[in-house]
Amino acid sequence: QVQLVESGGGLVQPGGSLRLSCTASGFTFSDCRMSWYRQVPGKERELVATISSTGGSRNYADSVQGRFAISRDNAKKSVYLEMNSLKVEDTAVYYCAASAGRYWGQGTQVTVSS
C-alpha cells in the first residue's frame, strides 16, 4: 500500500521557520522524483519545489526561491522542505507528491500569522 505521510506543519510568526517532512512507503522511493506542492482554499495547487531521485537536481517556484530548501534521504525514504523567512502568503496546506503527482500525501497545514 502506497503511503506518503507529511508532518511538521503548524503555526509560525512571519519571519520564522518550519521544517516539513514526508515519509514514503509502498513504492521504490529512491527511483522517484519528489515534490512539495501547496494549496490555498479556492486556488489551484501550486508546485513549490522538486528534487530528482538522487537529489542532484532541485527546482523551486519563484515565490520561494532563496527561502525554501528541498532535500531527501533515500535511506530513510523521506523528503524534507526547510522553510525560512516565512511570509503570511506562505500559509497553505502543503502536500508531498511522488513522480509528478502519481502519489500524494494527505497534506499538512502551515499557517504564518502574527
Protein backbone atom coordinates (compact mmCIF):
# COMPACT_ATOMS: atom_id res chain seq x y z
CA GLN A 1 0.00 0.00 0.00
CA VAL A 2 1.44 3.34 -1.07
CA GLN A 3 1.66 5.94 1.65
CA LEU A 4 3.11 9.42 1.90
CA VAL A 5 2.84 10.90 5.38
CA GLU A 6 3.65 14.56 5.94
CA SER A 7 4.46 16.15 9.27
CA GLY A 8 5.94 19.34 10.67
CA GLY A 9 3.26 21.87 9.84
CA GLY A 10 1.97 24.35 12.36
CA LEU A 11 1.57 27.98 13.29
CA VAL A 12 4.57 30.28 12.97
CA GLN A 13 5.11 34.02 13.04
CA PRO A 14 6.22 35.93 9.94
CA GLY A 15 9.96 35.61 9.55
CA GLY A 16 10.01 32.26 11.29
CA SER A 17 10.99 28.81 10.08
CA LEU A 18 9.46 25.37 9.78
CA ARG A 19 10.70 22.04 8.51
CA LEU A 20 8.26 19.72 6.81
CA SER A 21 8.92 16.00 6.50
CA CYS A 22 7.35 13.38 4.28
CA THR A 23 7.96 9.67 4.74
CA ALA A 24 7.14 7.21 2.00
CA SER A 25 6.25 3.53 1.90
CA GLY A 26 4.86 1.06 -0.60
CA PHE A 27 6.93 2.07 -3.63
CA THR A 28 10.57 2.45 -4.66
CA PHE A 29 11.24 5.87 -3.19
CA SER A 30 14.80 6.12 -4.50
CA ASP A 31 13.54 5.88 -8.09
CA CYS A 32 11.12 8.76 -7.78
CA ARG A 33 11.35 12.47 -8.29
CA MET A 34 9.69 14.07 -5.27
CA SER A 35 7.88 17.37 -4.97
CA TRP A 36 6.20 19.65 -2.50
CA TYR A 37 3.01 21.45 -3.50
CA ARG A 38 0.79 23.82 -1.60
CA GLN A 39 -2.83 24.86 -1.89
CA VAL A 40 -4.93 27.65 -0.52
CA PRO A 41 -8.73 27.24 -0.48
CA GLY A 42 -10.22 28.47 -3.73
CA LYS A 43 -6.92 28.42 -5.59
CA GLU A 44 -5.10 25.88 -7.73
CA ARG A 45 -2.47 23.68 -6.21
CA GLU A 46 0.97 25.27 -6.67
CA LEU A 47 4.24 23.43 -7.23
CA VAL A 48 6.70 24.67 -4.62
CA ALA A 49 9.83 22.57 -5.07
CA THR A 50 11.06 19.42 -6.81
CA ILE A 51 14.06 17.20 -6.22
CA SER A 52 15.39 14.50 -8.52
CA SER A 53 15.64 10.87 -7.45
CA THR A 54 19.31 11.23 -6.49
CA GLY A 55 18.97 14.70 -5.03
CA GLY A 56 21.32 16.14 -7.61
CA SER A 57 18.76 18.47 -9.16
CA ARG A 58 16.41 20.82 -7.35
CA ASN A 59 13.94 23.37 -8.64
CA TYR A 60 11.86 25.99 -6.87
CA ALA A 61 8.94 28.25 -7.55
CA ASP A 62 9.99 31.88 -7.90
CA SER A 63 7.89 32.74 -4.86
CA VAL A 64 10.05 30.58 -2.54
CA GLN A 65 13.46 30.72 -4.25
CA GLY A 66 16.14 31.56 -1.71
CA ARG A 67 13.86 30.94 1.29
CA PHE A 68 12.91 27.26 0.97
CA ALA A 69 15.16 24.23 0.52
CA ILE A 70 14.12 20.74 -0.52
CA SER A 71 16.20 17.72 0.42
CA ARG A 72 15.83 13.97 0.67
CA ASP A 73 17.26 10.95 2.43
CA ASN A 74 16.73 7.84 0.32
CA ALA A 75 17.85 5.56 3.14
CA LYS A 76 15.03 6.94 5.28
CA LYS A 77 12.60 7.17 2.34
CA SER A 78 11.97 10.76 3.30
CA VAL A 79 11.83 14.16 1.68
CA TYR A 80 12.03 17.46 3.53
CA LEU A 81 11.16 21.08 2.98
CA GLU A 82 13.06 23.61 5.04
CA MET A 83 11.11 26.87 5.04
CA ASN A 84 12.76 30.06 6.24
CA SER A 85 11.76 33.72 6.29
CA LEU A 86 8.15 32.65 6.17
CA LYS A 87 5.56 35.13 4.95
CA VAL A 88 1.83 35.36 5.55
CA GLU A 89 1.31 34.40 1.91
CA ASP A 90 3.06 31.07 2.52
CA THR A 91 0.01 29.98 4.50
CA ALA A 92 -1.41 26.86 2.83
CA VAL A 93 -1.82 23.13 3.06
CA TYR A 94 1.45 21.58 1.96
CA TYR A 95 1.49 18.24 0.16
CA CYS A 96 4.29 15.97 -0.82
CA ALA A 97 3.98 14.06 -4.07
CA ALA A 98 5.89 11.37 -5.88
CA SER A 99 6.55 11.10 -9.59
CA ALA A 100 4.81 14.28 -10.70
CA GLY A 101 1.67 13.56 -8.76
CA ARG A 102 1.32 9.82 -9.14
CA TYR A 103 1.14 9.53 -5.35
CA TRP A 104 0.06 12.17 -2.83
CA GLY A 105 0.22 12.67 0.88
CA GLN A 106 -2.69 13.89 2.96
CA GLY A 107 -1.23 17.35 3.50
CA THR A 108 -0.08 19.36 6.47
CA GLN A 109 -1.29 22.84 7.37
CA VAL A 110 1.18 25.69 7.56
CA THR A 111 -0.13 28.95 8.97
CA VAL A 112 2.02 32.07 9.07
CA SER A 113 0.45 34.71 11.26
CA SER A 114 1.33 37.17 13.97
